[in-house]
Amino acid sequence: MNSDPFEHEPLERLFQALERDTVTMTPAELREDLRARGLHPEETTAAIQGKVEAFLKVRRLSWQEAARQKQAAVQAAASRLVSWGTKQKDEIEAAFEKARSGGFGAGAQGKLQAAFRNLSHVPTADKASFLDEIELLQLLKENKMAPPDDAV
């Protein structure tokens, strides 16, 4: 527990002041009464506002740092992958057939069926691109960074 005088002594004095009959006092009289008791209402208010604003700013921006970390992890994972576009056509066709038959999981198979209605006329470049995405999503899933909808 923090025994910082800012957090306890002024608040205790403030509560003591509030317990008095202050309903009939004007704001100026109330501020003067607080000053007479050793409090500094303007300074205390400014200090509290500063702490609250700092807390809210850190909290408001914390999601950005988490997003930056996730983005860096995704970029690092993507940079480690070798694109299917650089592989031989027969390798691409075999891996695409494996995805079509469910070899990469039901999620990948469903996405394949949704993306390509007529699988007999899918260009090799599109197949390679799809395989790149599957591989990246599986890598992210293995690293527990899967997208919220668990895309694979």
N, C-alpha and C. Protein backbone atom coordinates (compact mmCIF):
# COMPACT_ATOMS: atom_id res chain seq x y z
N MET A 1 0.84 -1.17 0.00
CA MET A 1 0.00 0.00 0.00
C MET A 1 0.89 1.24 0.00
N ASN A 2 0.54 2.19 -0.77
CA ASN A 2 1.31 3.42 -0.90
C ASN A 2 0.88 4.41 0.18
N SER A 3 1.85 4.96 0.91
CA SER A 3 1.51 5.91 1.97
C SER A 3 1.89 7.32 1.55
N ASP A 4 1.78 7.59 0.28
CA ASP A 4 2.07 8.92 -0.26
C ASP A 4 1.12 9.92 0.41
N PRO A 5 1.66 10.98 1.03
CA PRO A 5 0.79 11.95 1.71
C PRO A 5 -0.26 12.56 0.79
N PHE A 6 0.03 12.65 -0.49
CA PHE A 6 -0.94 13.22 -1.43
C PHE A 6 -2.22 12.41 -1.46
N GLU A 7 -2.08 11.09 -1.32
CA GLU A 7 -3.24 10.23 -1.45
C GLU A 7 -4.08 10.14 -0.19
N HIS A 8 -3.49 10.41 0.99
CA HIS A 8 -4.25 10.17 2.21
C HIS A 8 -4.57 11.43 3.01
N GLU A 9 -3.58 12.16 3.38
CA GLU A 9 -3.80 13.30 4.27
C GLU A 9 -4.76 14.34 3.68
N PRO A 10 -4.57 14.80 2.46
CA PRO A 10 -5.51 15.79 1.93
C PRO A 10 -6.92 15.24 1.80
N LEU A 11 -7.03 13.97 1.42
CA LEU A 11 -8.38 13.40 1.30
C LEU A 11 -9.06 13.31 2.66
N GLU A 12 -8.29 12.97 3.68
CA GLU A 12 -8.87 12.90 5.02
C GLU A 12 -9.35 14.29 5.44
N ARG A 13 -8.55 15.29 5.17
CA ARG A 13 -8.96 16.66 5.51
C ARG A 13 -10.18 17.08 4.70
N LEU A 14 -10.21 16.65 3.49
CA LEU A 14 -11.36 16.99 2.65
C LEU A 14 -12.63 16.36 3.21
N PHE A 15 -12.57 15.12 3.63
CA PHE A 15 -13.73 14.47 4.21
C PHE A 15 -14.16 15.16 5.51
N GLN A 16 -13.19 15.57 6.30
CA GLN A 16 -13.53 16.30 7.53
C GLN A 16 -14.23 17.60 7.19
N ALA A 17 -13.77 18.28 6.18
CA ALA A 17 -14.39 19.55 5.78
C ALA A 17 -15.80 19.31 5.24
N LEU A 18 -15.98 18.23 4.53
CA LEU A 18 -17.29 17.94 3.96
C LEU A 18 -18.30 17.55 5.03
N GLU A 19 -17.82 17.02 6.15
CA GLU A 19 -18.71 16.63 7.24
C GLU A 19 -19.32 17.85 7.92
N ARG A 20 -18.64 18.99 7.83
CA ARG A 20 -19.18 20.20 8.43
C ARG A 20 -20.36 20.68 7.61
N ASP A 21 -21.11 21.56 8.16
CA ASP A 21 -22.28 22.12 7.48
C ASP A 21 -21.79 23.11 6.42
N THR A 22 -21.57 22.62 5.24
CA THR A 22 -21.06 23.46 4.17
C THR A 22 -22.14 23.80 3.14
N VAL A 23 -23.35 23.36 3.40
CA VAL A 23 -24.42 23.58 2.43
C VAL A 23 -24.70 25.07 2.25
N THR A 24 -24.58 25.83 3.32
CA THR A 24 -24.90 27.25 3.24
C THR A 24 -23.73 28.09 2.77
N MET A 25 -22.55 27.50 2.59
CA MET A 25 -21.37 28.25 2.17
C MET A 25 -21.37 28.46 0.66
N THR A 26 -20.87 29.61 0.26
CA THR A 26 -20.67 29.87 -1.16
C THR A 26 -19.40 29.14 -1.59
N PRO A 27 -19.22 28.93 -2.87
CA PRO A 27 -17.98 28.28 -3.33
C PRO A 27 -16.72 29.02 -2.86
N ALA A 28 -16.75 30.35 -2.85
CA ALA A 28 -15.58 31.11 -2.40
C ALA A 28 -15.34 30.86 -0.91
N GLU A 29 -16.42 30.84 -0.09
CA GLU A 29 -16.27 30.58 1.33
C GLU A 29 -15.76 29.15 1.58
N LEU A 30 -16.25 28.23 0.80
CA LEU A 30 -15.81 26.84 0.94
C LEU A 30 -14.33 26.71 0.61
N ARG A 31 -13.88 27.33 -0.49
CA ARG A 31 -12.45 27.30 -0.83
C ARG A 31 -11.62 27.92 0.28
N GLU A 32 -12.08 29.03 0.85
CA GLU A 32 -11.35 29.70 1.92
C GLU A 32 -11.31 28.82 3.17
N ASP A 33 -12.40 28.14 3.48
CA ASP A 33 -12.45 27.24 4.62
C ASP A 33 -11.46 26.09 4.43
N LEU A 34 -11.40 25.56 3.22
CA LEU A 34 -10.46 24.48 2.94
C LEU A 34 -9.01 24.96 3.09
N ARG A 35 -8.73 26.16 2.60
CA ARG A 35 -7.38 26.72 2.75
C ARG A 35 -7.04 26.91 4.23
N ALA A 36 -8.00 27.35 5.04
CA ALA A 36 -7.78 27.54 6.47
C ALA A 36 -7.46 26.22 7.16
N ARG A 37 -7.94 25.14 6.61
CA ARG A 37 -7.69 23.81 7.18
C ARG A 37 -6.38 23.22 6.66
N GLY A 38 -5.66 23.95 5.83
CA GLY A 38 -4.37 23.48 5.33
C GLY A 38 -4.45 22.79 3.97
N LEU A 39 -5.60 22.88 3.35
CA LEU A 39 -5.76 22.28 2.03
C LEU A 39 -5.55 23.33 0.95
N HIS A 40 -5.21 22.87 -0.22
CA HIS A 40 -5.04 23.74 -1.38
C HIS A 40 -5.94 23.19 -2.49
N PRO A 41 -7.19 23.62 -2.51
CA PRO A 41 -8.16 22.99 -3.42
C PRO A 41 -7.77 23.06 -4.90
N GLU A 42 -7.24 24.20 -5.34
CA GLU A 42 -6.89 24.32 -6.76
C GLU A 42 -5.73 23.38 -7.11
N GLU A 43 -4.72 23.34 -6.23
CA GLU A 43 -3.57 22.47 -6.48
C GLU A 43 -3.98 21.00 -6.43
N THR A 44 -4.81 20.65 -5.45
CA THR A 44 -5.26 19.27 -5.32
C THR A 44 -6.09 18.87 -6.53
N THR A 45 -6.98 19.76 -6.95
CA THR A 45 -7.80 19.48 -8.13
C THR A 45 -6.93 19.30 -9.37
N ALA A 46 -5.95 20.18 -9.54
CA ALA A 46 -5.06 20.09 -10.70
C ALA A 46 -4.25 18.80 -10.67
N ALA A 47 -3.76 18.42 -9.48
CA ALA A 47 -2.97 17.19 -9.36
C ALA A 47 -3.82 15.96 -9.68
N ILE A 48 -5.04 15.94 -9.18
CA ILE A 48 -5.94 14.82 -9.44
C ILE A 48 -6.27 14.76 -10.93
N GLN A 49 -6.58 15.91 -11.52
CA GLN A 49 -6.88 15.94 -12.95
C GLN A 49 -5.69 15.44 -13.76
N GLY A 50 -4.48 15.84 -13.36
CA GLY A 50 -3.28 15.40 -14.07
C GLY A 50 -3.11 13.90 -14.01
N LYS A 51 -3.33 13.32 -12.81
CA LYS A 51 -3.20 11.87 -12.67
C LYS A 51 -4.26 11.14 -13.48
N VAL A 52 -5.48 11.63 -13.45
CA VAL A 52 -6.56 10.99 -14.21
C VAL A 52 -6.29 11.10 -15.71
N GLU A 53 -5.87 12.26 -16.18
CA GLU A 53 -5.59 12.44 -17.60
C GLU A 53 -4.44 11.54 -18.05
N ALA A 54 -3.40 11.44 -17.23
CA ALA A 54 -2.27 10.57 -17.57
C ALA A 54 -2.72 9.11 -17.65
N PHE A 55 -3.52 8.70 -16.67
CA PHE A 55 -4.03 7.33 -16.67
C PHE A 55 -4.87 7.06 -17.90
N LEU A 56 -5.78 7.98 -18.22
CA LEU A 56 -6.65 7.79 -19.38
C LEU A 56 -5.86 7.78 -20.68
N LYS A 57 -4.84 8.61 -20.77
CA LYS A 57 -4.02 8.65 -21.98
C LYS A 57 -3.30 7.33 -22.17
N VAL A 58 -2.69 6.82 -21.11
CA VAL A 58 -1.99 5.54 -21.20
C VAL A 58 -2.98 4.43 -21.58
N ARG A 59 -4.11 4.44 -20.95
CA ARG A 59 -5.11 3.41 -21.22
C ARG A 59 -5.66 3.54 -22.63
N ARG A 60 -5.90 4.77 -23.07
CA ARG A 60 -6.46 5.01 -24.40
C ARG A 60 -5.48 4.56 -25.48
N LEU A 61 -4.19 4.73 -25.25
CA LEU A 61 -3.19 4.41 -26.27
C LEU A 61 -2.60 3.00 -26.12
N SER A 62 -2.96 2.28 -25.06
CA SER A 62 -2.36 0.96 -24.83
C SER A 62 -2.69 -0.02 -25.94
N TRP A 63 -3.86 0.10 -26.53
CA TRP A 63 -4.23 -0.82 -27.61
C TRP A 63 -3.30 -0.65 -28.80
N GLN A 64 -2.78 0.57 -29.01
CA GLN A 64 -1.89 0.81 -30.14
C GLN A 64 -0.58 0.04 -29.98
N GLU A 65 -0.05 0.02 -28.77
CA GLU A 65 1.19 -0.72 -28.54
C GLU A 65 0.96 -2.21 -28.73
N ALA A 66 -0.17 -2.72 -28.24
CA ALA A 66 -0.48 -4.14 -28.44
C ALA A 66 -0.63 -4.45 -29.93
N ALA A 67 -1.25 -3.54 -30.66
CA ALA A 67 -1.41 -3.74 -32.11
C ALA A 67 -0.06 -3.71 -32.81
N ARG A 68 0.83 -2.80 -32.39
CA ARG A 68 2.17 -2.75 -32.99
C ARG A 68 2.93 -4.05 -32.76
N GLN A 69 2.82 -4.59 -31.57
CA GLN A 69 3.50 -5.85 -31.26
C GLN A 69 2.95 -6.99 -32.11
N LYS A 70 1.64 -7.06 -32.24
CA LYS A 70 1.04 -8.11 -33.06
C LYS A 70 1.42 -7.94 -34.53
N GLN A 71 1.41 -6.69 -35.00
CA GLN A 71 1.78 -6.43 -36.39
C GLN A 71 3.23 -6.85 -36.64
N ALA A 72 4.11 -6.54 -35.72
CA ALA A 72 5.51 -6.93 -35.87
C ALA A 72 5.64 -8.45 -35.90
N ALA A 73 4.89 -9.14 -35.06
CA ALA A 73 4.94 -10.60 -35.03
C ALA A 73 4.41 -11.18 -36.34
N VAL A 74 3.35 -10.61 -36.87
CA VAL A 74 2.79 -11.08 -38.14
C VAL A 74 3.78 -10.85 -39.27
N GLN A 75 4.38 -9.67 -39.29
CA GLN A 75 5.36 -9.37 -40.34
C GLN A 75 6.58 -10.28 -40.24
N ALA A 76 7.01 -10.57 -39.02
CA ALA A 76 8.14 -11.48 -38.84
C ALA A 76 7.78 -12.88 -39.33
N ALA A 77 6.57 -13.31 -39.01
CA ALA A 77 6.13 -14.64 -39.46
C ALA A 77 6.03 -14.67 -40.98
N ALA A 78 5.48 -13.62 -41.57
CA ALA A 78 5.31 -13.58 -43.02
C ALA A 78 6.66 -13.54 -43.73
N SER A 79 7.63 -12.90 -43.14
CA SER A 79 8.94 -12.81 -43.78
C SER A 79 9.68 -14.15 -43.77
N ARG A 80 9.32 -15.04 -42.85
CA ARG A 80 9.96 -16.36 -42.78
C ARG A 80 9.39 -17.32 -43.81
N LEU A 81 8.20 -17.03 -44.29
CA LEU A 81 7.57 -17.95 -45.23
C LEU A 81 8.15 -17.80 -46.63
N VAL A 82 8.22 -18.91 -47.33
CA VAL A 82 8.62 -18.90 -48.73
C VAL A 82 7.34 -18.95 -49.54
N SER A 83 7.16 -17.99 -50.41
CA SER A 83 5.92 -17.89 -51.18
C SER A 83 5.73 -19.09 -52.08
N TRP A 84 4.49 -19.53 -52.16
CA TRP A 84 4.17 -20.64 -53.05
C TRP A 84 4.35 -20.21 -54.51
N GLY A 85 4.35 -18.93 -54.77
CA GLY A 85 4.55 -18.45 -56.14
C GLY A 85 5.92 -18.78 -56.70
N THR A 86 6.87 -19.09 -55.83
CA THR A 86 8.22 -19.42 -56.28
C THR A 86 8.41 -20.92 -56.50
N LYS A 87 7.39 -21.70 -56.21
CA LYS A 87 7.52 -23.17 -56.31
C LYS A 87 7.03 -23.66 -57.68
N GLN A 88 7.33 -24.90 -57.95
CA GLN A 88 6.94 -25.52 -59.21
C GLN A 88 5.42 -25.70 -59.28
N LYS A 89 4.91 -25.70 -60.49
CA LYS A 89 3.46 -25.81 -60.70
C LYS A 89 2.91 -27.10 -60.12
N ASP A 90 3.62 -28.22 -60.26
CA ASP A 90 3.12 -29.49 -59.73
C ASP A 90 3.05 -29.49 -58.20
N GLU A 91 4.00 -28.79 -57.54
CA GLU A 91 3.94 -28.66 -56.07
C GLU A 91 2.72 -27.86 -55.65
N ILE A 92 2.46 -26.78 -56.39
CA ILE A 92 1.31 -25.92 -56.09
C ILE A 92 0.02 -26.70 -56.28
N GLU A 93 -0.07 -27.43 -57.39
CA GLU A 93 -1.28 -28.21 -57.68
C GLU A 93 -1.51 -29.27 -56.60
N ALA A 94 -0.45 -29.94 -56.17
CA ALA A 94 -0.58 -30.99 -55.15
C ALA A 94 -1.03 -30.40 -53.81
N ALA A 95 -0.45 -29.28 -53.43
CA ALA A 95 -0.82 -28.66 -52.16
C ALA A 95 -2.25 -28.10 -52.23
N PHE A 96 -2.63 -27.56 -53.38
CA PHE A 96 -3.99 -27.03 -53.54
C PHE A 96 -5.01 -28.17 -53.45
N GLU A 97 -4.67 -29.30 -54.05
CA GLU A 97 -5.56 -30.47 -53.98
C GLU A 97 -5.67 -30.96 -52.53
N LYS A 98 -4.55 -30.91 -51.81
CA LYS A 98 -4.57 -31.29 -50.40
C LYS A 98 -5.50 -30.37 -49.61
N ALA A 99 -5.45 -29.07 -49.89
CA ALA A 99 -6.33 -28.10 -49.22
C ALA A 99 -7.79 -28.37 -49.60
N ARG A 100 -8.03 -28.66 -50.87
CA ARG A 100 -9.40 -28.92 -51.34
C ARG A 100 -9.98 -30.16 -50.67
N SER A 101 -9.14 -31.16 -50.41
CA SER A 101 -9.63 -32.40 -49.80
C SER A 101 -9.65 -32.35 -48.27
N GLY A 102 -9.26 -31.20 -47.69
CA GLY A 102 -9.34 -31.04 -46.24
C GLY A 102 -8.04 -31.30 -45.52
N GLY A 103 -6.95 -31.41 -46.22
CA GLY A 103 -5.66 -31.71 -45.60
C GLY A 103 -5.13 -30.61 -44.70
N PHE A 104 -5.61 -29.38 -44.86
CA PHE A 104 -5.19 -28.26 -44.01
C PHE A 104 -6.27 -27.92 -42.97
N GLY A 105 -7.27 -28.77 -42.87
CA GLY A 105 -8.34 -28.54 -41.89
C GLY A 105 -9.63 -28.11 -42.56
N ALA A 106 -10.71 -28.26 -41.83
CA ALA A 106 -12.03 -27.94 -42.36
C ALA A 106 -12.18 -26.44 -42.63
N GLY A 107 -11.54 -25.61 -41.81
CA GLY A 107 -11.63 -24.17 -42.00
C GLY A 107 -11.03 -23.74 -43.32
N ALA A 108 -9.86 -24.27 -43.64
CA ALA A 108 -9.19 -23.94 -44.91
C ALA A 108 -10.01 -24.50 -46.08
N GLN A 109 -10.55 -25.67 -45.91
CA GLN A 109 -11.36 -26.27 -46.97
C GLN A 109 -12.62 -25.43 -47.24
N GLY A 110 -13.25 -24.97 -46.18
CA GLY A 110 -14.44 -24.12 -46.34
C GLY A 110 -14.11 -22.80 -47.00
N LYS A 111 -13.00 -22.19 -46.63
CA LYS A 111 -12.59 -20.92 -47.24
C LYS A 111 -12.26 -21.12 -48.72
N LEU A 112 -11.66 -22.25 -49.04
CA LEU A 112 -11.35 -22.57 -50.42
C LEU A 112 -12.62 -22.68 -51.24
N GLN A 113 -13.60 -23.36 -50.71
CA GLN A 113 -14.86 -23.53 -51.42
C GLN A 113 -15.60 -22.20 -51.57
N ALA A 114 -15.48 -21.35 -50.56
CA ALA A 114 -16.13 -20.04 -50.65
C ALA A 114 -15.41 -19.12 -51.63
N ALA A 115 -14.09 -19.23 -51.70
CA ALA A 115 -13.31 -18.34 -52.56
C ALA A 115 -13.39 -18.73 -54.03
N PHE A 116 -13.43 -20.01 -54.29
CA PHE A 116 -13.39 -20.49 -55.68
C PHE A 116 -14.58 -21.41 -55.92
N ARG A 117 -15.54 -20.94 -56.68
CA ARG A 117 -16.72 -21.77 -56.97
C ARG A 117 -16.40 -22.88 -57.98
N ASN A 118 -15.64 -22.55 -59.01
CA ASN A 118 -15.29 -23.52 -60.03
C ASN A 118 -13.79 -23.83 -59.89
N LEU A 119 -13.47 -24.88 -59.21
CA LEU A 119 -12.08 -25.21 -58.91
C LEU A 119 -11.29 -25.70 -60.12
N SER A 120 -11.95 -26.01 -61.20
CA SER A 120 -11.22 -26.51 -62.37
C SER A 120 -10.56 -25.39 -63.16
N HIS A 121 -10.96 -24.14 -62.96
CA HIS A 121 -10.41 -23.03 -63.74
C HIS A 121 -9.70 -22.01 -62.88
N VAL A 122 -9.12 -22.41 -61.77
CA VAL A 122 -8.39 -21.50 -60.89
C VAL A 122 -6.96 -21.36 -61.41
N PRO A 123 -6.51 -20.14 -61.72
CA PRO A 123 -5.14 -19.96 -62.20
C PRO A 123 -4.12 -20.38 -61.13
N THR A 124 -2.97 -20.83 -61.55
CA THR A 124 -1.92 -21.29 -60.65
C THR A 124 -1.49 -20.18 -59.70
N ALA A 125 -1.43 -18.94 -60.18
CA ALA A 125 -1.03 -17.82 -59.32
C ALA A 125 -2.03 -17.62 -58.19
N ASP A 126 -3.32 -17.79 -58.47
CA ASP A 126 -4.34 -17.67 -57.41
C ASP A 126 -4.23 -18.82 -56.41
N LYS A 127 -3.91 -20.00 -56.92
CA LYS A 127 -3.72 -21.15 -56.03
C LYS A 127 -2.53 -20.90 -55.10
N ALA A 128 -1.44 -20.39 -55.67
CA ALA A 128 -0.25 -20.10 -54.87
C ALA A 128 -0.55 -19.04 -53.81
N SER A 129 -1.30 -18.01 -54.18
CA SER A 129 -1.67 -16.95 -53.24
C SER A 129 -2.52 -17.51 -52.11
N PHE A 130 -3.47 -18.37 -52.45
CA PHE A 130 -4.31 -18.99 -51.44
C PHE A 130 -3.48 -19.85 -50.49
N LEU A 131 -2.53 -20.60 -51.03
CA LEU A 131 -1.67 -21.44 -50.20
C LEU A 131 -0.78 -20.59 -49.29
N ASP A 132 -0.33 -19.44 -49.78
CA ASP A 132 0.44 -18.51 -48.94
C ASP A 132 -0.39 -18.08 -47.74
N GLU A 133 -1.64 -17.74 -47.99
CA GLU A 133 -2.52 -17.30 -46.90
C GLU A 133 -2.78 -18.41 -45.90
N ILE A 134 -3.01 -19.61 -46.39
CA ILE A 134 -3.23 -20.75 -45.49
C ILE A 134 -2.00 -20.97 -44.61
N GLU A 135 -0.83 -20.95 -45.24
CA GLU A 135 0.40 -21.19 -44.49
C GLU A 135 0.62 -20.12 -43.43
N LEU A 136 0.38 -18.86 -43.78
CA LEU A 136 0.53 -17.77 -42.81
C LEU A 136 -0.46 -17.91 -41.67
N LEU A 137 -1.71 -18.20 -41.98
CA LEU A 137 -2.72 -18.37 -40.94
C LEU A 137 -2.40 -19.54 -40.02
N GLN A 138 -1.88 -20.62 -40.58
CA GLN A 138 -1.53 -21.76 -39.73
C GLN A 138 -0.34 -21.42 -38.84
N LEU A 139 0.62 -20.67 -39.37
CA LEU A 139 1.76 -20.25 -38.55
C LEU A 139 1.28 -19.36 -37.41
N LEU A 140 0.37 -18.44 -37.71
CA LEU A 140 -0.17 -17.56 -36.67
C LEU A 140 -0.95 -18.35 -35.63
N LYS A 141 -1.68 -19.34 -36.08
CA LYS A 141 -2.45 -20.17 -35.16
C LYS A 141 -1.52 -20.96 -34.24
N GLU A 142 -0.44 -21.48 -34.79
CA GLU A 142 0.53 -22.22 -33.98
C GLU A 142 1.18 -21.32 -32.94
N ASN A 143 1.37 -20.06 -33.27
CA ASN A 143 1.97 -19.10 -32.35
C ASN A 143 0.93 -18.42 -31.47
N LYS A 144 -0.30 -18.93 -31.49
CA LYS A 144 -1.42 -18.40 -30.68
C LYS A 144 -1.69 -16.93 -30.99
N MET A 145 -1.54 -16.57 -32.24
CA MET A 145 -1.84 -15.21 -32.67
C MET A 145 -2.97 -15.24 -33.69
N ALA A 146 -3.77 -16.28 -33.65
CA ALA A 146 -4.81 -16.44 -34.64
C ALA A 146 -5.79 -15.28 -34.61
N PRO A 147 -6.33 -14.90 -35.76
CA PRO A 147 -7.35 -13.86 -35.79
C PRO A 147 -8.54 -14.28 -34.94
N PRO A 148 -9.34 -13.33 -34.46
CA PRO A 148 -10.45 -13.63 -33.55
C PRO A 148 -11.44 -14.63 -34.11
N ASP A 149 -11.66 -14.63 -35.43
CA ASP A 149 -12.64 -15.55 -35.98
C ASP A 149 -12.04 -16.92 -36.25
N ASP A 150 -10.78 -17.12 -35.83
CA ASP A 150 -10.09 -18.40 -35.98
C ASP A 150 -10.19 -18.89 -37.42
N ALA A 151 -9.61 -18.09 -38.31
CA ALA A 151 -9.78 -18.23 -39.75
C ALA A 151 -9.36 -19.57 -40.31
N VAL A 152 -8.46 -20.30 -39.66
CA VAL A 152 -8.04 -21.58 -40.21
C VAL A 152 -8.67 -22.71 -39.45
